[in-house]
Amino acid sequence: MLVLGATSAIAFTTMRIYAVSGTAFYLVARNEEKLTTVAADLQVRGASAVHTWVMDLDKTEQHAAMLQDADKKLQGIDIALIAHGVLGDQAAAERDYEIAAKVIQTNLVSAISLITWLAIYFAERKSGTIAAISSVAGDRGRKANYVYGTTKAALSTFLQGVRNRVDRLGVNVITIKPGFVATPMTAHLQGGILFATPERVARGIAKAIEGRKDVVYVPRYWRWIMAAVRAVPERLFKRLNF
């Protein structure tokens, strides 16, 4: 399993599920100290091997070298989990395009670079799974987080197109859409009954991978919540304050 953004709470918790069955991991993240801690935890839990690569995934020119090393160290990649991303500062991004561009680079451009390479790789092997974490925020633009939501909407569309291209070649492409998750990235937000734990989301991701799903909302109730949100007419939706 190749995990990009391996120090994120959701990725870490998902990997713990796979470690107990002896999965071999290749972990990529930019914080070396946290990456070392995650690697040690997975080894204790039963991972058969844990390899690491420290890098900022915004640097797309370095992706090919890292991915080739992952293929070599793992002796073939079976599952790629794309879990890196930033929420960004919506208010600041409204005033400064450069701030918005950084969110777009991390959440969308870097992901497209990785998925493009992985889709070619898995298609040539006629097997493999790409699981990428999008978000329910991409289902409809809201003033509270539309820069972040835009990146996730575009990512979901990109994944849909890739899925349409490579599914017939034996490659599974999964779009994972979590709602609110209690992680360090959302620590500044007020919690509530809709917030899920990373453990619950991780179980949903593992189930989606094993079941070769296409698009999954985690937890599942977000599918119905977002269906209702999308159904609100635009003339009414634009007046809502959220």
C-alpha atoms as a PDB file:
ATOM      1  CA  MET A   1       0.000   0.000   0.000  1.00  0.00           C
ATOM      2  CA  LEU A   2       1.313   3.404  -1.050  1.00  0.00           C
ATOM      3  CA  VAL A   3       0.001   6.172   1.204  1.00  0.00           C
ATOM      4  CA  LEU A   4       0.410   9.817   0.210  1.00  0.00           C
ATOM      5  CA  GLY A   5      -0.132  12.160   3.128  1.00  0.00           C
ATOM      6  CA  ALA A   6       0.619   9.329   5.526  1.00  0.00           C
ATOM      7  CA  THR A   7       0.659  11.437   8.680  1.00  0.00           C
ATOM      8  CA  SER A   8      -2.940  12.601   8.304  1.00  0.00           C
ATOM      9  CA  ALA A   9      -5.277  11.266  10.970  1.00  0.00           C
ATOM     10  CA  ILE A  10      -7.523   9.501   8.452  1.00  0.00           C
ATOM     11  CA  ALA A  11      -4.629   7.856   6.597  1.00  0.00           C
ATOM     12  CA  PHE A  12      -2.902   6.786   9.821  1.00  0.00           C
ATOM     13  CA  THR A  13      -6.059   5.193  11.192  1.00  0.00           C
ATOM     14  CA  THR A  14      -6.764   3.436   7.892  1.00  0.00           C
ATOM     15  CA  MET A  15      -3.253   2.007   7.756  1.00  0.00           C
ATOM     16  CA  ARG A  16      -3.631   0.559  11.247  1.00  0.00           C
ATOM     17  CA  ILE A  17      -6.468  -1.604   9.910  1.00  0.00           C
ATOM     18  CA  TYR A  18      -4.220  -3.027   7.201  1.00  0.00           C
ATOM     19  CA  ALA A  19      -1.094  -3.380   9.338  1.00  0.00           C
ATOM     20  CA  VAL A  20      -2.514  -6.241  11.409  1.00  0.00           C
ATOM     21  CA  SER A  21      -2.751  -8.409   8.278  1.00  0.00           C
ATOM     22  CA  GLY A  22       0.922  -7.892   7.421  1.00  0.00           C
ATOM     23  CA  THR A  23       0.575  -5.254   4.706  1.00  0.00           C
ATOM     24  CA  ALA A  24       3.763  -3.646   3.386  1.00  0.00           C
ATOM     25  CA  PHE A  25       3.639   0.155   3.291  1.00  0.00           C
ATOM     26  CA  TYR A  26       5.356   2.995   1.486  1.00  0.00           C
ATOM     27  CA  LEU A  27       4.641   6.206   3.352  1.00  0.00           C
ATOM     28  CA  VAL A  28       5.016   9.727   1.988  1.00  0.00           C
ATOM     29  CA  ALA A  29       4.691  12.937   4.028  1.00  0.00           C
ATOM     30  CA  ARG A  30       6.597  16.165   4.548  1.00  0.00           C
ATOM     31  CA  ASN A  31       7.125  15.965   8.340  1.00  0.00           C
ATOM     32  CA  GLU A  32       9.975  13.535   8.957  1.00  0.00           C
ATOM     33  CA  GLU A  33       9.442  13.297  12.707  1.00  0.00           C
ATOM     34  CA  LYS A  34       5.748  12.441  12.406  1.00  0.00           C
ATOM     35  CA  LEU A  35       6.461  10.053   9.552  1.00  0.00           C
ATOM     36  CA  THR A  36       8.971   8.160  11.686  1.00  0.00           C
ATOM     37  CA  THR A  37       6.409   7.867  14.480  1.00  0.00           C
ATOM     38  CA  VAL A  38       3.729   6.551  12.117  1.00  0.00           C
ATOM     39  CA  ALA A  39       6.151   4.029  10.602  1.00  0.00           C
ATOM     40  CA  ALA A  40       7.141   2.701  14.023  1.00  0.00           C
ATOM     41  CA  ASP A  41       3.496   2.322  15.031  1.00  0.00           C
ATOM     42  CA  LEU A  42       2.666   0.300  11.915  1.00  0.00           C
ATOM     43  CA  GLN A  43       5.651  -1.984  12.431  1.00  0.00           C
ATOM     44  CA  VAL A  44       4.554  -2.746  15.983  1.00  0.00           C
ATOM     45  CA  ARG A  45       1.042  -3.547  14.733  1.00  0.00           C
ATOM     46  CA  GLY A  46       2.258  -6.159  12.275  1.00  0.00           C
ATOM     47  CA  ALA A  47       3.218  -4.452   8.998  1.00  0.00           C
ATOM     48  CA  SER A  48       5.530  -6.705   7.015  1.00  0.00           C
ATOM     49  CA  ALA A  49       7.607  -3.732   5.844  1.00  0.00           C
ATOM     50  CA  VAL A  50       7.449   0.061   6.131  1.00  0.00           C
ATOM     51  CA  HIS A  51       9.347   2.331   3.742  1.00  0.00           C
ATOM     52  CA  THR A  52       9.285   6.122   3.925  1.00  0.00           C
ATOM     53  CA  TRP A  53       9.942   9.103   1.659  1.00  0.00           C
ATOM     54  CA  VAL A  54       9.984  12.626   3.054  1.00  0.00           C
ATOM     55  CA  MET A  55       8.757  15.245   0.604  1.00  0.00           C
ATOM     56  CA  ASP A  56       6.364  18.104   0.013  1.00  0.00           C
ATOM     57  CA  LEU A  57       3.815  16.697  -2.422  1.00  0.00           C
ATOM     58  CA  ASP A  58       3.268  20.184  -3.851  1.00  0.00           C
ATOM     59  CA  LYS A  59       6.539  19.613  -5.711  1.00  0.00           C
ATOM     60  CA  THR A  60       5.043  17.698  -8.594  1.00  0.00           C
ATOM     61  CA  GLU A  61       8.365  17.518 -10.434  1.00  0.00           C
ATOM     62  CA  GLN A  62       9.543  15.073  -7.742  1.00  0.00           C
ATOM     63  CA  HIS A  63       6.540  12.733  -7.997  1.00  0.00           C
ATOM     64  CA  ALA A  64       7.907  10.376 -10.646  1.00  0.00           C
ATOM     65  CA  ALA A  65      11.111   9.596  -8.729  1.00  0.00           C
ATOM     66  CA  MET A  66       9.179   8.922  -5.530  1.00  0.00           C
ATOM     67  CA  LEU A  67       6.571   6.731  -7.240  1.00  0.00           C
ATOM     68  CA  GLN A  68       9.218   4.720  -9.047  1.00  0.00           C
ATOM     69  CA  ASP A  69      10.989   4.141  -5.741  1.00  0.00           C
ATOM     70  CA  ALA A  70       7.700   3.017  -4.155  1.00  0.00           C
ATOM     71  CA  ASP A  71       7.192   0.494  -6.953  1.00  0.00           C
ATOM     72  CA  LYS A  72      10.719  -0.820  -6.462  1.00  0.00           C
ATOM     73  CA  LYS A  73      10.617  -1.009  -2.654  1.00  0.00           C
ATOM     74  CA  LEU A  74       7.170  -2.619  -2.514  1.00  0.00           C
ATOM     75  CA  GLN A  75       7.934  -4.876  -5.482  1.00  0.00           C
ATOM     76  CA  GLY A  76       4.714  -3.610  -6.996  1.00  0.00           C
ATOM     77  CA  ILE A  77       1.998  -1.289  -5.696  1.00  0.00           C
ATOM     78  CA  ASP A  78      -1.449  -2.809  -5.128  1.00  0.00           C
ATOM     79  CA  ILE A  79      -3.293   0.063  -3.414  1.00  0.00           C
ATOM     80  CA  ALA A  80      -2.584   3.806  -3.493  1.00  0.00           C
ATOM     81  CA  LEU A  81      -4.335   5.972  -0.909  1.00  0.00           C
ATOM     82  CA  ILE A  82      -4.189   9.710  -1.612  1.00  0.00           C
ATOM     83  CA  ALA A  83      -4.884  11.444   1.675  1.00  0.00           C
ATOM     84  CA  HIS A  84      -2.957  14.698   1.697  1.00  0.00           C
ATOM     85  CA  GLY A  85      -4.669  18.075   1.655  1.00  0.00           C
ATOM     86  CA  VAL A  86      -5.274  21.379   3.401  1.00  0.00           C
ATOM     87  CA  LEU A  87      -8.446  23.168   4.436  1.00  0.00           C
ATOM     88  CA  GLY A  88      -6.953  26.596   3.810  1.00  0.00           C
ATOM     89  CA  ASP A  89      -8.107  30.004   5.018  1.00  0.00           C
ATOM     90  CA  GLN A  90     -11.254  30.915   3.100  1.00  0.00           C
ATOM     91  CA  ALA A  91     -11.333  34.550   4.229  1.00  0.00           C
ATOM     92  CA  ALA A  92      -7.689  35.091   3.281  1.00  0.00           C
ATOM     93  CA  ALA A  93      -8.150  33.292  -0.058  1.00  0.00           C
ATOM     94  CA  GLU A  94     -11.027  35.640  -0.931  1.00  0.00           C
ATOM     95  CA  ARG A  95      -8.627  38.583  -0.686  1.00  0.00           C
ATOM     96  CA  ASP A  96      -5.472  37.061  -2.152  1.00  0.00           C
ATOM     97  CA  TYR A  97      -5.362  34.798  -5.190  1.00  0.00           C
ATOM     98  CA  GLU A  98      -1.923  33.488  -4.237  1.00  0.00           C
ATOM     99  CA  ILE A  99      -3.364  32.009  -1.043  1.00  0.00           C
ATOM    100  CA  ALA A 100      -6.150  30.366  -3.013  1.00  0.00           C
ATOM    101  CA  ALA A 101      -3.606  29.060  -5.526  1.00  0.00           C
ATOM    102  CA  LYS A 102      -1.661  27.291  -2.780  1.00  0.00           C
ATOM    103  CA  VAL A 103      -4.792  25.421  -1.686  1.00  0.00           C
ATOM    104  CA  ILE A 104      -5.487  24.492  -5.308  1.00  0.00           C
ATOM    105  CA  GLN A 105      -1.899  23.302  -5.786  1.00  0.00           C
ATOM    106  CA  THR A 106      -1.998  21.031  -2.733  1.00  0.00           C
ATOM    107  CA  ASN A 107      -5.519  19.652  -2.994  1.00  0.00           C
ATOM    108  CA  LEU A 108      -5.936  19.423  -6.741  1.00  0.00           C
ATOM    109  CA  VAL A 109      -2.852  19.908  -8.907  1.00  0.00           C
ATOM    110  CA  SER A 110      -0.609  17.615  -6.879  1.00  0.00           C
ATOM    111  CA  ALA A 111      -3.358  14.997  -6.685  1.00  0.00           C
ATOM    112  CA  ILE A 112      -3.876  15.096 -10.464  1.00  0.00           C
ATOM    113  CA  SER A 113      -0.145  14.582 -10.982  1.00  0.00           C
ATOM    114  CA  LEU A 114      -0.114  11.532  -8.701  1.00  0.00           C
ATOM    115  CA  ILE A 115      -3.306  10.027 -10.097  1.00  0.00           C
ATOM    116  CA  THR A 116      -2.115  10.440 -13.683  1.00  0.00           C
ATOM    117  CA  TRP A 117       1.052   8.444 -12.980  1.00  0.00           C
ATOM    118  CA  LEU A 118      -0.795   5.817 -10.937  1.00  0.00           C
ATOM    119  CA  ALA A 119      -3.541   5.357 -13.537  1.00  0.00           C
ATOM    120  CA  ILE A 120      -0.959   4.596 -16.223  1.00  0.00           C
ATOM    121  CA  TYR A 121       0.932   2.290 -13.858  1.00  0.00           C
ATOM    122  CA  PHE A 122      -2.104   0.265 -12.799  1.00  0.00           C
ATOM    123  CA  ALA A 123      -3.562   0.164 -16.327  1.00  0.00           C
ATOM    124  CA  GLU A 124      -0.353  -1.398 -17.614  1.00  0.00           C
ATOM    125  CA  ARG A 125      -0.594  -4.030 -14.859  1.00  0.00           C
ATOM    126  CA  LYS A 126      -4.352  -4.439 -15.392  1.00  0.00           C
ATOM    127  CA  SER A 127      -4.937  -4.362 -11.641  1.00  0.00           C
ATOM    128  CA  GLY A 128      -4.739  -2.057  -8.639  1.00  0.00           C
ATOM    129  CA  THR A 129      -6.735   0.452  -6.650  1.00  0.00           C
ATOM    130  CA  ILE A 130      -6.538   4.232  -6.449  1.00  0.00           C
ATOM    131  CA  ALA A 131      -8.443   5.535  -3.431  1.00  0.00           C
ATOM    132  CA  ALA A 132      -8.483   9.327  -3.121  1.00  0.00           C
ATOM    133  CA  ILE A 133      -9.993  11.399  -0.347  1.00  0.00           C
ATOM    134  CA  SER A 134     -12.261  14.098  -1.729  1.00  0.00           C
ATOM    135  CA  SER A 135     -14.997  15.696   0.405  1.00  0.00           C
ATOM    136  CA  VAL A 136     -18.713  16.388   0.632  1.00  0.00           C
ATOM    137  CA  ALA A 137     -17.634  20.042   0.400  1.00  0.00           C
ATOM    138  CA  GLY A 138     -17.233  19.498  -3.328  1.00  0.00           C
ATOM    139  CA  ASP A 139     -20.917  18.670  -3.812  1.00  0.00           C
ATOM    140  CA  ARG A 140     -22.004  22.303  -3.633  1.00  0.00           C
ATOM    141  CA  GLY A 141     -20.222  25.613  -3.253  1.00  0.00           C
ATOM    142  CA  ARG A 142     -20.776  27.394   0.055  1.00  0.00           C
ATOM    143  CA  LYS A 143     -19.415  30.775   1.075  1.00  0.00           C
ATOM    144  CA  ALA A 144     -17.785  29.249   4.155  1.00  0.00           C
ATOM    145  CA  ASN A 145     -15.346  27.075   2.201  1.00  0.00           C
ATOM    146  CA  TYR A 146     -15.783  27.429  -1.550  1.00  0.00           C
ATOM    147  CA  VAL A 147     -12.053  27.500  -2.355  1.00  0.00           C
ATOM    148  CA  TYR A 148     -11.549  24.177  -0.577  1.00  0.00           C
ATOM    149  CA  GLY A 149     -14.839  22.906  -2.023  1.00  0.00           C
ATOM    150  CA  THR A 150     -13.766  23.826  -5.543  1.00  0.00           C
ATOM    151  CA  THR A 151     -10.632  21.703  -5.265  1.00  0.00           C
ATOM    152  CA  LYS A 152     -12.666  18.738  -4.062  1.00  0.00           C
ATOM    153  CA  ALA A 153     -15.345  19.156  -6.741  1.00  0.00           C
ATOM    154  CA  ALA A 154     -12.660  19.214  -9.427  1.00  0.00           C
ATOM    155  CA  LEU A 155     -10.860  16.246  -7.864  1.00  0.00           C
ATOM    156  CA  SER A 156     -14.086  14.214  -7.814  1.00  0.00           C
ATOM    157  CA  THR A 157     -14.721  15.014 -11.485  1.00  0.00           C
ATOM    158  CA  PHE A 158     -11.162  14.083 -12.418  1.00  0.00           C
ATOM    159  CA  LEU A 159     -11.462  10.778 -10.559  1.00  0.00           C
ATOM    160  CA  GLN A 160     -14.755  10.076 -12.314  1.00  0.00           C
ATOM    161  CA  GLY A 161     -13.117  10.535 -15.695  1.00  0.00           C
ATOM    162  CA  VAL A 162     -10.136   8.366 -14.804  1.00  0.00           C
ATOM    163  CA  ARG A 163     -12.517   5.691 -13.485  1.00  0.00           C
ATOM    164  CA  ASN A 164     -14.399   5.722 -16.776  1.00  0.00           C
ATOM    165  CA  ARG A 165     -11.109   5.227 -18.630  1.00  0.00           C
ATOM    166  CA  VAL A 166      -9.397   2.510 -16.579  1.00  0.00           C
ATOM    167  CA  ASP A 167     -12.168   0.484 -14.959  1.00  0.00           C
ATOM    168  CA  ARG A 168     -12.417  -1.754 -18.026  1.00  0.00           C
ATOM    169  CA  LEU A 169      -8.700  -2.449 -17.603  1.00  0.00           C
ATOM    170  CA  GLY A 170      -9.146  -3.910 -14.126  1.00  0.00           C
ATOM    171  CA  VAL A 171      -8.271  -0.762 -12.174  1.00  0.00           C
ATOM    172  CA  ASN A 172     -10.535   0.380  -9.352  1.00  0.00           C
ATOM    173  CA  VAL A 173     -10.786   4.138  -8.720  1.00  0.00           C
ATOM    174  CA  ILE A 174     -12.551   5.157  -5.510  1.00  0.00           C
ATOM    175  CA  THR A 175     -13.734   8.651  -4.639  1.00  0.00           C
ATOM    176  CA  ILE A 176     -14.003   8.941  -0.853  1.00  0.00           C
ATOM    177  CA  LYS A 177     -16.217  11.745   0.419  1.00  0.00           C
ATOM    178  CA  PRO A 178     -15.990  12.289   4.165  1.00  0.00           C
ATOM    179  CA  GLY A 179     -18.111  14.848   5.962  1.00  0.00           C
ATOM    180  CA  PHE A 180     -16.861  16.556   9.104  1.00  0.00           C
ATOM    181  CA  VAL A 181     -14.123  14.495  10.771  1.00  0.00           C
ATOM    182  CA  ALA A 182     -12.589  15.221  14.169  1.00  0.00           C
ATOM    183  CA  THR A 183      -8.968  15.686  13.097  1.00  0.00           C
ATOM    184  CA  PRO A 184      -6.288  18.332  13.695  1.00  0.00           C
ATOM    185  CA  MET A 185      -7.326  19.973  10.396  1.00  0.00           C
ATOM    186  CA  THR A 186     -10.822  20.669  11.772  1.00  0.00           C
ATOM    187  CA  ALA A 187      -9.815  21.331  15.378  1.00  0.00           C
ATOM    188  CA  HIS A 188     -10.729  25.024  15.023  1.00  0.00           C
ATOM    189  CA  LEU A 189     -14.302  24.180  14.045  1.00  0.00           C
ATOM    190  CA  GLN A 190     -17.089  23.712  16.544  1.00  0.00           C
ATOM    191  CA  GLY A 191     -17.865  20.010  16.885  1.00  0.00           C
ATOM    192  CA  GLY A 192     -21.338  18.521  16.706  1.00  0.00           C
ATOM    193  CA  ILE A 193     -23.342  15.387  16.096  1.00  0.00           C
ATOM    194  CA  LEU A 194     -22.288  15.272  12.433  1.00  0.00           C
ATOM    195  CA  PHE A 195     -18.589  14.972  13.288  1.00  0.00           C
ATOM    196  CA  ALA A 196     -17.242  11.451  12.814  1.00  0.00           C
ATOM    197  CA  THR A 197     -14.132   9.941  14.367  1.00  0.00           C
ATOM    198  CA  PRO A 198     -11.151   9.052  12.165  1.00  0.00           C
ATOM    199  CA  GLU A 199     -11.722   5.428  13.183  1.00  0.00           C
ATOM    200  CA  ARG A 200     -15.226   5.409  11.725  1.00  0.00           C
ATOM    201  CA  VAL A 201     -14.037   6.997   8.501  1.00  0.00           C
ATOM    202  CA  ALA A 202     -11.107   4.570   8.273  1.00  0.00           C
ATOM    203  CA  ARG A 203     -13.437   1.591   8.549  1.00  0.00           C
ATOM    204  CA  GLY A 204     -15.522   3.054   5.722  1.00  0.00           C
ATOM    205  CA  ILE A 205     -12.439   3.494   3.542  1.00  0.00           C
ATOM    206  CA  ALA A 206     -11.202  -0.048   4.160  1.00  0.00           C
ATOM    207  CA  LYS A 207     -14.654  -1.414   3.369  1.00  0.00           C
ATOM    208  CA  ALA A 208     -14.791   0.611   0.144  1.00  0.00           C
ATOM    209  CA  ILE A 209     -11.379  -0.657  -0.961  1.00  0.00           C
ATOM    210  CA  GLU A 210     -12.201  -4.276  -0.230  1.00  0.00           C
ATOM    211  CA  GLY A 211     -15.629  -3.927  -1.876  1.00  0.00           C
ATOM    212  CA  ARG A 212     -14.198  -2.173  -4.955  1.00  0.00           C
ATOM    213  CA  LYS A 213     -16.646   0.702  -4.627  1.00  0.00           C
ATOM    214  CA  ASP A 214     -16.746   3.735  -6.926  1.00  0.00           C
ATOM    215  CA  VAL A 215     -17.971   6.662  -4.790  1.00  0.00           C
ATOM    216  CA  VAL A 216     -18.494   6.410  -1.049  1.00  0.00           C
ATOM    217  CA  TYR A 217     -19.756   8.920   1.505  1.00  0.00           C
ATOM    218  CA  VAL A 218     -18.325   8.319   4.973  1.00  0.00           C
ATOM    219  CA  PRO A 219     -20.263   8.081   7.159  1.00  0.00           C
ATOM    220  CA  ARG A 220     -23.052   6.980   4.804  1.00  0.00           C
ATOM    221  CA  TYR A 221     -25.587   9.488   6.112  1.00  0.00           C
ATOM    222  CA  TRP A 222     -23.734  12.230   4.229  1.00  0.00           C
ATOM    223  CA  ARG A 223     -25.055  10.821   0.959  1.00  0.00           C
ATOM    224  CA  TRP A 224     -28.612  11.774   1.989  1.00  0.00           C
ATOM    225  CA  ILE A 225     -27.592  15.072   3.582  1.00  0.00           C
ATOM    226  CA  MET A 226     -25.806  16.198   0.434  1.00  0.00           C
ATOM    227  CA  ALA A 227     -28.645  14.990  -1.797  1.00  0.00           C
ATOM    228  CA  ALA A 228     -30.901  17.358   0.123  1.00  0.00           C
ATOM    229  CA  VAL A 229     -28.359  20.191  -0.095  1.00  0.00           C
ATOM    230  CA  ARG A 230     -27.998  19.749  -3.859  1.00  0.00           C
ATOM    231  CA  ALA A 231     -31.774  19.748  -4.275  1.00  0.00           C
ATOM    232  CA  VAL A 232     -32.196  23.287  -2.905  1.00  0.00           C
ATOM    233  CA  PRO A 233     -32.860  25.680  -5.840  1.00  0.00           C
ATOM    234  CA  GLU A 234     -30.046  28.129  -6.451  1.00  0.00           C
ATOM    235  CA  ARG A 235     -32.322  31.156  -5.997  1.00  0.00           C
ATOM    236  CA  LEU A 236     -32.929  29.951  -2.414  1.00  0.00           C
ATOM    237  CA  PHE A 237     -29.507  28.457  -1.761  1.00  0.00           C
ATOM    238  CA  LYS A 238     -27.681  31.745  -2.440  1.00  0.00           C
ATOM    239  CA  ARG A 239     -29.600  33.343   0.422  1.00  0.00           C
ATOM    240  CA  LEU A 240     -28.553  30.752   2.980  1.00  0.00           C
ATOM    241  CA  ASN A 241     -25.904  31.768   5.456  1.00  0.00           C
ATOM    242  CA  PHE A 242     -23.583  28.803   5.830  1.00  0.00           C
END
